[in-house]
Amino acid sequence: MPHLFLNRPRLYDLTKDQAELRSQFRWETINAVFYKLGGIVFIIGSVLFFPALSKYANLGAWTFFGGSLLYLVVTTHDLAEVRRHWRTTQKHTRDMVLEYTAAASYLWGTILFTVGSVFFLSYVDWTITGAWCFVIGSLLFVLGACVNVMQIVKADTMLTLQLMNYTAVTFVAGSILFTVASVPYLWHVDIREYEIRLHAFLAWQYLIGSVLFFAGGVFNYWRIYLFMRRTIREKNAH
């Protein structure tokens, strides 16, 4: 799943009123660890959705649930940081509205995936309801990712700009793949052979989408690392 990426200085440590670079980098690292763990868990869950592993379908649903909870930690923290920035700023600009929209979209999309994963369990068997949760959640991811793309207007270095673009591309592409993969679960396929082929195709889309989300998280953390290292070096030089 995608999560918020911004080019403004952020106050990741919500327990403090001012940003201390090393503390901020530590919190960003914790954020990134949760995100990457969620990405790995989602990749595993996507593999378990292949028809050849249908006997592990419940484990796949629980894996998606666990991955969603890890992502939920990240998206909740992102929205909390955006809300704090909103409250401490008198003039609310267009960019602030966009980042609030993106953060809220990611959070609610993650919540829908968390709930929807439970509905796919065989002993719950609310597949259609779960599919709707996945479809709406995926559309919210697409919305958030597209809003994030609109905010990529400038960067300190060319490498930073490239990494932001890589992050945006992977998040948008992954969100679209998740959306496309979720819709067919609303269908009823009578022919077993076609159903197996369809579900295998959908599992590939979830798998590729999960890999793209993981890659986007790597690009985003790389960008943050370069920014923090450059800022700390400049501060020490003075």
C-alpha atoms as a PDB file:
ATOM      1  CA  MET A   1       0.000   0.000   0.000  1.00  0.00           C
ATOM      2  CA  PRO A   2       1.212   3.536  -0.631  1.00  0.00           C
ATOM      3  CA  HIS A   3       1.797   6.074   2.091  1.00  0.00           C
ATOM      4  CA  LEU A   4       2.390   9.823   2.311  1.00  0.00           C
ATOM      5  CA  PHE A   5       5.564  11.322   0.875  1.00  0.00           C
ATOM      6  CA  LEU A   6       6.218  15.067   1.027  1.00  0.00           C
ATOM      7  CA  ASN A   7       9.022  17.448   0.217  1.00  0.00           C
ATOM      8  CA  ARG A   8       8.472  19.782   3.195  1.00  0.00           C
ATOM      9  CA  PRO A   9      10.326  19.329   6.507  1.00  0.00           C
ATOM     10  CA  ARG A  10       8.214  17.041   8.690  1.00  0.00           C
ATOM     11  CA  LEU A  11       7.947  16.652  12.459  1.00  0.00           C
ATOM     12  CA  TYR A  12       7.960  12.862  12.758  1.00  0.00           C
ATOM     13  CA  ASP A  13       8.482  12.901  16.528  1.00  0.00           C
ATOM     14  CA  LEU A  14       5.012  13.975  17.640  1.00  0.00           C
ATOM     15  CA  THR A  15       6.135  14.191  21.270  1.00  0.00           C
ATOM     16  CA  LYS A  16       8.266  17.258  20.564  1.00  0.00           C
ATOM     17  CA  ASP A  17       7.481  20.798  19.434  1.00  0.00           C
ATOM     18  CA  GLN A  18      10.650  21.265  17.393  1.00  0.00           C
ATOM     19  CA  ALA A  19      12.450  19.070  14.926  1.00  0.00           C
ATOM     20  CA  GLU A  20      15.781  17.616  16.059  1.00  0.00           C
ATOM     21  CA  LEU A  21      17.423  16.082  13.015  1.00  0.00           C
ATOM     22  CA  ARG A  22      18.751  12.859  14.505  1.00  0.00           C
ATOM     23  CA  SER A  23      15.497  12.262  16.389  1.00  0.00           C
ATOM     24  CA  GLN A  24      13.485  12.884  13.218  1.00  0.00           C
ATOM     25  CA  PHE A  25      15.664  10.493  11.244  1.00  0.00           C
ATOM     26  CA  ARG A  26      15.236   7.840  13.958  1.00  0.00           C
ATOM     27  CA  TRP A  27      11.443   8.184  13.798  1.00  0.00           C
ATOM     28  CA  GLU A  28      11.488   8.110  10.008  1.00  0.00           C
ATOM     29  CA  THR A  29      13.559   4.932  10.180  1.00  0.00           C
ATOM     30  CA  ILE A  30      11.010   3.329  12.525  1.00  0.00           C
ATOM     31  CA  ASN A  31       8.264   4.426  10.116  1.00  0.00           C
ATOM     32  CA  ALA A  32      10.181   2.891   7.201  1.00  0.00           C
ATOM     33  CA  VAL A  33      10.789  -0.396   9.057  1.00  0.00           C
ATOM     34  CA  PHE A  34       7.051  -0.818   9.721  1.00  0.00           C
ATOM     35  CA  TYR A  35       6.299   0.013   6.091  1.00  0.00           C
ATOM     36  CA  LYS A  36       8.841  -2.437   4.673  1.00  0.00           C
ATOM     37  CA  LEU A  37       7.697  -5.205   7.026  1.00  0.00           C
ATOM     38  CA  GLY A  38       4.151  -4.563   5.832  1.00  0.00           C
ATOM     39  CA  GLY A  39       5.375  -4.748   2.245  1.00  0.00           C
ATOM     40  CA  ILE A  40       7.092  -8.098   2.800  1.00  0.00           C
ATOM     41  CA  VAL A  41       4.035  -9.516   4.564  1.00  0.00           C
ATOM     42  CA  PHE A  42       1.798  -8.352   1.689  1.00  0.00           C
ATOM     43  CA  ILE A  43       4.102  -9.985  -0.863  1.00  0.00           C
ATOM     44  CA  ILE A  44       3.835 -13.271   1.064  1.00  0.00           C
ATOM     45  CA  GLY A  45       0.061 -12.866   1.320  1.00  0.00           C
ATOM     46  CA  SER A  46      -0.217 -12.260  -2.421  1.00  0.00           C
ATOM     47  CA  VAL A  47       1.661 -15.506  -3.131  1.00  0.00           C
ATOM     48  CA  LEU A  48      -0.765 -17.409  -0.888  1.00  0.00           C
ATOM     49  CA  PHE A  49      -3.682 -16.141  -3.017  1.00  0.00           C
ATOM     50  CA  PHE A  50      -2.529 -18.203  -6.010  1.00  0.00           C
ATOM     51  CA  PRO A  51      -5.008 -21.039  -6.784  1.00  0.00           C
ATOM     52  CA  ALA A  52      -2.197 -23.602  -6.488  1.00  0.00           C
ATOM     53  CA  LEU A  53      -1.964 -22.632  -2.812  1.00  0.00           C
ATOM     54  CA  SER A  54      -5.720 -22.468  -2.220  1.00  0.00           C
ATOM     55  CA  LYS A  55      -5.443 -24.674   0.869  1.00  0.00           C
ATOM     56  CA  TYR A  56      -3.550 -21.758   2.458  1.00  0.00           C
ATOM     57  CA  ALA A  57      -6.212 -19.187   1.500  1.00  0.00           C
ATOM     58  CA  ASN A  58      -7.103 -18.443   5.131  1.00  0.00           C
ATOM     59  CA  LEU A  59      -3.443 -17.961   5.966  1.00  0.00           C
ATOM     60  CA  GLY A  60      -3.233 -15.578   3.001  1.00  0.00           C
ATOM     61  CA  ALA A  61      -6.185 -13.564   4.325  1.00  0.00           C
ATOM     62  CA  TRP A  62      -4.638 -13.416   7.808  1.00  0.00           C
ATOM     63  CA  THR A  63      -1.324 -12.375   6.227  1.00  0.00           C
ATOM     64  CA  PHE A  64      -3.073  -9.524   4.404  1.00  0.00           C
ATOM     65  CA  PHE A  65      -4.681  -8.573   7.715  1.00  0.00           C
ATOM     66  CA  GLY A  66      -1.314  -8.513   9.495  1.00  0.00           C
ATOM     67  CA  GLY A  67       0.302  -6.530   6.686  1.00  0.00           C
ATOM     68  CA  SER A  68      -2.585  -4.063   6.742  1.00  0.00           C
ATOM     69  CA  LEU A  69      -2.101  -3.514  10.483  1.00  0.00           C
ATOM     70  CA  LEU A  70       1.587  -2.709   9.896  1.00  0.00           C
ATOM     71  CA  TYR A  71       0.632  -0.269   7.134  1.00  0.00           C
ATOM     72  CA  LEU A  72      -2.044   1.158   9.430  1.00  0.00           C
ATOM     73  CA  VAL A  73       0.634   2.187  11.938  1.00  0.00           C
ATOM     74  CA  VAL A  74       2.406   4.141   9.183  1.00  0.00           C
ATOM     75  CA  THR A  75      -0.664   5.806   7.660  1.00  0.00           C
ATOM     76  CA  THR A  76      -2.051   6.741  11.101  1.00  0.00           C
ATOM     77  CA  HIS A  77       1.264   8.352  12.038  1.00  0.00           C
ATOM     78  CA  ASP A  78       1.329  10.198   8.692  1.00  0.00           C
ATOM     79  CA  LEU A  79      -2.157  11.640   9.194  1.00  0.00           C
ATOM     80  CA  ALA A  80      -1.370  12.594  12.807  1.00  0.00           C
ATOM     81  CA  GLU A  81       1.703  14.514  11.612  1.00  0.00           C
ATOM     82  CA  VAL A  82      -0.323  16.272   8.898  1.00  0.00           C
ATOM     83  CA  ARG A  83      -3.054  17.197  11.399  1.00  0.00           C
ATOM     84  CA  ARG A  84      -0.450  18.638  13.753  1.00  0.00           C
ATOM     85  CA  HIS A  85       1.081  20.667  10.921  1.00  0.00           C
ATOM     86  CA  TRP A  86      -2.430  21.874   9.985  1.00  0.00           C
ATOM     87  CA  ARG A  87      -3.238  22.984  13.548  1.00  0.00           C
ATOM     88  CA  THR A  88       0.051  24.816  14.038  1.00  0.00           C
ATOM     89  CA  THR A  89      -0.206  26.743  10.756  1.00  0.00           C
ATOM     90  CA  GLN A  90      -2.440  29.794  10.469  1.00  0.00           C
ATOM     91  CA  LYS A  91      -2.623  29.959   6.680  1.00  0.00           C
ATOM     92  CA  HIS A  92      -3.838  26.748   5.051  1.00  0.00           C
ATOM     93  CA  THR A  93      -2.457  26.619   1.518  1.00  0.00           C
ATOM     94  CA  ARG A  94      -3.479  24.477  -1.446  1.00  0.00           C
ATOM     95  CA  ASP A  95      -0.527  22.163  -0.804  1.00  0.00           C
ATOM     96  CA  MET A  96      -1.660  21.611   2.774  1.00  0.00           C
ATOM     97  CA  VAL A  97      -5.155  20.694   1.614  1.00  0.00           C
ATOM     98  CA  LEU A  98      -3.666  18.249  -0.896  1.00  0.00           C
ATOM     99  CA  GLU A  99      -1.413  16.565   1.658  1.00  0.00           C
ATOM    100  CA  TYR A 100      -4.328  16.279   4.103  1.00  0.00           C
ATOM    101  CA  THR A 101      -6.435  14.681   1.344  1.00  0.00           C
ATOM    102  CA  ALA A 102      -3.662  12.228   0.452  1.00  0.00           C
ATOM    103  CA  ALA A 103      -2.986  11.254   4.081  1.00  0.00           C
ATOM    104  CA  ALA A 104      -6.697  10.717   4.819  1.00  0.00           C
ATOM    105  CA  SER A 105      -7.126   8.681   1.616  1.00  0.00           C
ATOM    106  CA  TYR A 106      -4.243   6.396   2.544  1.00  0.00           C
ATOM    107  CA  LEU A 107      -5.531   5.903   6.086  1.00  0.00           C
ATOM    108  CA  TRP A 108      -9.108   5.062   5.103  1.00  0.00           C
ATOM    109  CA  GLY A 109      -7.908   2.848   2.264  1.00  0.00           C
ATOM    110  CA  THR A 110      -5.747   0.922   4.728  1.00  0.00           C
ATOM    111  CA  ILE A 111      -8.647   0.561   7.174  1.00  0.00           C
ATOM    112  CA  LEU A 112     -10.836  -0.864   4.394  1.00  0.00           C
ATOM    113  CA  PHE A 113      -8.117  -3.366   3.452  1.00  0.00           C
ATOM    114  CA  THR A 114      -7.743  -4.386   7.096  1.00  0.00           C
ATOM    115  CA  VAL A 115     -11.473  -5.057   7.437  1.00  0.00           C
ATOM    116  CA  GLY A 116     -11.787  -6.565   3.963  1.00  0.00           C
ATOM    117  CA  SER A 117      -9.032  -9.102   4.650  1.00  0.00           C
ATOM    118  CA  VAL A 118     -11.094 -10.587   7.493  1.00  0.00           C
ATOM    119  CA  PHE A 119     -14.126 -10.924   5.197  1.00  0.00           C
ATOM    120  CA  PHE A 120     -12.112 -13.196   2.857  1.00  0.00           C
ATOM    121  CA  LEU A 121     -11.657 -15.844   5.580  1.00  0.00           C
ATOM    122  CA  SER A 122     -13.524 -19.036   4.693  1.00  0.00           C
ATOM    123  CA  TYR A 123     -15.325 -19.151   8.051  1.00  0.00           C
ATOM    124  CA  VAL A 124     -16.501 -15.543   7.560  1.00  0.00           C
ATOM    125  CA  ASP A 125     -17.200 -15.939   3.825  1.00  0.00           C
ATOM    126  CA  TRP A 126     -18.241 -12.383   3.043  1.00  0.00           C
ATOM    127  CA  THR A 127     -16.228 -12.370  -0.167  1.00  0.00           C
ATOM    128  CA  ILE A 128     -18.371  -9.804  -1.990  1.00  0.00           C
ATOM    129  CA  THR A 129     -18.248  -7.399   0.954  1.00  0.00           C
ATOM    130  CA  GLY A 130     -14.493  -7.948   1.250  1.00  0.00           C
ATOM    131  CA  ALA A 131     -14.093  -7.321  -2.474  1.00  0.00           C
ATOM    132  CA  TRP A 132     -15.960  -4.014  -2.168  1.00  0.00           C
ATOM    133  CA  CYS A 133     -13.667  -3.036   0.706  1.00  0.00           C
ATOM    134  CA  PHE A 134     -10.656  -3.814  -1.488  1.00  0.00           C
ATOM    135  CA  VAL A 135     -12.073  -1.946  -4.510  1.00  0.00           C
ATOM    136  CA  ILE A 136     -12.955   1.204  -2.568  1.00  0.00           C
ATOM    137  CA  GLY A 137      -9.717   1.018  -0.576  1.00  0.00           C
ATOM    138  CA  SER A 138      -7.693   0.662  -3.772  1.00  0.00           C
ATOM    139  CA  LEU A 139      -9.474   3.635  -5.345  1.00  0.00           C
ATOM    140  CA  LEU A 140      -8.589   5.681  -2.259  1.00  0.00           C
ATOM    141  CA  PHE A 141      -4.952   4.626  -2.756  1.00  0.00           C
ATOM    142  CA  VAL A 142      -5.128   5.796  -6.376  1.00  0.00           C
ATOM    143  CA  LEU A 143      -6.609   9.124  -5.233  1.00  0.00           C
ATOM    144  CA  GLY A 144      -3.929   9.630  -2.585  1.00  0.00           C
ATOM    145  CA  ALA A 145      -1.094   8.683  -4.928  1.00  0.00           C
ATOM    146  CA  CYS A 146      -2.356  11.001  -7.693  1.00  0.00           C
ATOM    147  CA  VAL A 147      -2.666  13.864  -5.201  1.00  0.00           C
ATOM    148  CA  ASN A 148       0.903  13.189  -4.062  1.00  0.00           C
ATOM    149  CA  VAL A 149       2.075  13.353  -7.688  1.00  0.00           C
ATOM    150  CA  MET A 150       0.576  16.851  -8.019  1.00  0.00           C
ATOM    151  CA  GLN A 151       2.876  18.023  -5.208  1.00  0.00           C
ATOM    152  CA  ILE A 152       6.105  17.056  -6.972  1.00  0.00           C
ATOM    153  CA  VAL A 153       7.078  20.469  -8.304  1.00  0.00           C
ATOM    154  CA  LYS A 154      10.622  21.010  -7.047  1.00  0.00           C
ATOM    155  CA  ALA A 155      13.455  19.408  -5.084  1.00  0.00           C
ATOM    156  CA  ASP A 156      16.854  20.326  -3.677  1.00  0.00           C
ATOM    157  CA  THR A 157      18.759  18.046  -6.042  1.00  0.00           C
ATOM    158  CA  MET A 158      18.100  16.149  -9.245  1.00  0.00           C
ATOM    159  CA  LEU A 159      18.513  12.815  -7.437  1.00  0.00           C
ATOM    160  CA  THR A 160      15.907  13.830  -4.846  1.00  0.00           C
ATOM    161  CA  LEU A 161      13.483  14.779  -7.621  1.00  0.00           C
ATOM    162  CA  GLN A 162      14.117  11.476  -9.404  1.00  0.00           C
ATOM    163  CA  LEU A 163      13.518   9.486  -6.211  1.00  0.00           C
ATOM    164  CA  MET A 164      10.247  11.346  -5.602  1.00  0.00           C
ATOM    165  CA  ASN A 165       9.169  10.546  -9.154  1.00  0.00           C
ATOM    166  CA  TYR A 166      10.124   6.869  -8.731  1.00  0.00           C
ATOM    167  CA  THR A 167       8.115   6.769  -5.501  1.00  0.00           C
ATOM    168  CA  ALA A 168       5.109   8.362  -7.186  1.00  0.00           C
ATOM    169  CA  VAL A 169       5.222   6.032 -10.212  1.00  0.00           C
ATOM    170  CA  THR A 170       5.462   2.867  -8.098  1.00  0.00           C
ATOM    171  CA  PHE A 171       2.674   3.988  -5.754  1.00  0.00           C
ATOM    172  CA  VAL A 172       0.304   4.971  -8.590  1.00  0.00           C
ATOM    173  CA  ALA A 173       1.016   1.792 -10.586  1.00  0.00           C
ATOM    174  CA  GLY A 174       0.649  -0.420  -7.511  1.00  0.00           C
ATOM    175  CA  SER A 175      -2.637   1.255  -6.560  1.00  0.00           C
ATOM    176  CA  ILE A 176      -4.056   0.751 -10.062  1.00  0.00           C
ATOM    177  CA  LEU A 177      -3.023  -2.928 -10.047  1.00  0.00           C
ATOM    178  CA  PHE A 178      -4.728  -3.435  -6.682  1.00  0.00           C
ATOM    179  CA  THR A 179      -7.893  -1.774  -8.006  1.00  0.00           C
ATOM    180  CA  VAL A 180      -8.001  -3.890 -11.166  1.00  0.00           C
ATOM    181  CA  ALA A 181      -7.271  -7.061  -9.178  1.00  0.00           C
ATOM    182  CA  SER A 182     -10.061  -6.392  -6.669  1.00  0.00           C
ATOM    183  CA  VAL A 183     -12.949  -5.841  -9.107  1.00  0.00           C
ATOM    184  CA  PRO A 184     -13.215  -9.436 -10.470  1.00  0.00           C
ATOM    185  CA  TYR A 185     -13.831 -10.760  -6.952  1.00  0.00           C
ATOM    186  CA  LEU A 186     -17.276  -9.172  -7.344  1.00  0.00           C
ATOM    187  CA  TRP A 187     -18.005 -11.527 -10.247  1.00  0.00           C
ATOM    188  CA  HIS A 188     -19.390 -15.044 -10.153  1.00  0.00           C
ATOM    189  CA  VAL A 189     -17.627 -17.426 -12.553  1.00  0.00           C
ATOM    190  CA  ASP A 190     -19.436 -20.728 -13.120  1.00  0.00           C
ATOM    191  CA  ILE A 191     -16.701 -22.559 -15.024  1.00  0.00           C
ATOM    192  CA  ARG A 192     -14.038 -23.821 -12.595  1.00  0.00           C
ATOM    193  CA  GLU A 193     -11.219 -23.719 -15.158  1.00  0.00           C
ATOM    194  CA  TYR A 194     -11.868 -20.049 -15.957  1.00  0.00           C
ATOM    195  CA  GLU A 195     -12.138 -19.232 -12.256  1.00  0.00           C
ATOM    196  CA  ILE A 196      -8.700 -20.764 -11.578  1.00  0.00           C
ATOM    197  CA  ARG A 197      -7.105 -18.834 -14.456  1.00  0.00           C
ATOM    198  CA  LEU A 198      -8.766 -15.604 -13.347  1.00  0.00           C
ATOM    199  CA  HIS A 199      -7.668 -15.952  -9.730  1.00  0.00           C
ATOM    200  CA  ALA A 200      -4.116 -16.767 -10.802  1.00  0.00           C
ATOM    201  CA  PHE A 201      -4.088 -13.586 -12.894  1.00  0.00           C
ATOM    202  CA  LEU A 202      -5.439 -11.549  -9.979  1.00  0.00           C
ATOM    203  CA  ALA A 203      -2.843 -13.011  -7.599  1.00  0.00           C
ATOM    204  CA  TRP A 204      -0.102 -11.910 -10.009  1.00  0.00           C
ATOM    205  CA  GLN A 205      -1.519  -8.382  -9.999  1.00  0.00           C
ATOM    206  CA  TYR A 206      -1.570  -8.293  -6.187  1.00  0.00           C
ATOM    207  CA  LEU A 207       1.962  -9.669  -6.104  1.00  0.00           C
ATOM    208  CA  ILE A 208       3.348  -7.140  -8.596  1.00  0.00           C
ATOM    209  CA  GLY A 209       1.430  -4.323  -6.879  1.00  0.00           C
ATOM    210  CA  SER A 210       2.852  -5.341  -3.484  1.00  0.00           C
ATOM    211  CA  VAL A 211       6.391  -5.404  -4.919  1.00  0.00           C
ATOM    212  CA  LEU A 212       5.841  -1.921  -6.386  1.00  0.00           C
ATOM    213  CA  PHE A 213       4.637  -0.601  -3.018  1.00  0.00           C
ATOM    214  CA  PHE A 214       7.698  -2.092  -1.334  1.00  0.00           C
ATOM    215  CA  ALA A 215       9.973  -0.531  -3.968  1.00  0.00           C
ATOM    216  CA  GLY A 216       8.251   2.832  -3.492  1.00  0.00           C
ATOM    217  CA  GLY A 217       8.953   2.631   0.225  1.00  0.00           C
ATOM    218  CA  VAL A 218      12.628   1.959  -0.501  1.00  0.00           C
ATOM    219  CA  PHE A 219      12.850   4.940  -2.875  1.00  0.00           C
ATOM    220  CA  ASN A 220      11.123   7.206  -0.353  1.00  0.00           C
ATOM    221  CA  TYR A 221      13.394   6.194   2.519  1.00  0.00           C
ATOM    222  CA  TRP A 222      16.446   6.614   0.274  1.00  0.00           C
ATOM    223  CA  ARG A 223      15.307  10.174  -0.435  1.00  0.00           C
ATOM    224  CA  ILE A 224      14.808  10.901   3.266  1.00  0.00           C
ATOM    225  CA  TYR A 225      18.209   9.402   4.104  1.00  0.00           C
ATOM    226  CA  LEU A 226      19.997  11.585   1.542  1.00  0.00           C
ATOM    227  CA  PHE A 227      18.158  14.683   2.762  1.00  0.00           C
ATOM    228  CA  MET A 228      18.923  14.016   6.427  1.00  0.00           C
ATOM    229  CA  ARG A 229      22.579  13.188   5.746  1.00  0.00           C
ATOM    230  CA  ARG A 230      23.043  16.368   3.706  1.00  0.00           C
ATOM    231  CA  THR A 231      21.266  18.513   6.304  1.00  0.00           C
ATOM    232  CA  ILE A 232      23.265  17.090   9.217  1.00  0.00           C
ATOM    233  CA  ARG A 233      26.525  17.560   7.288  1.00  0.00           C
ATOM    234  CA  GLU A 234      25.657  21.195   6.519  1.00  0.00           C
ATOM    235  CA  LYS A 235      24.694  21.829  10.145  1.00  0.00           C
ATOM    236  CA  ASN A 236      27.967  20.339  11.443  1.00  0.00           C
ATOM    237  CA  ALA A 237      29.952  22.422   8.924  1.00  0.00           C
ATOM    238  CA  HIS A 238      28.659  25.577  10.586  1.00  0.00           C
END
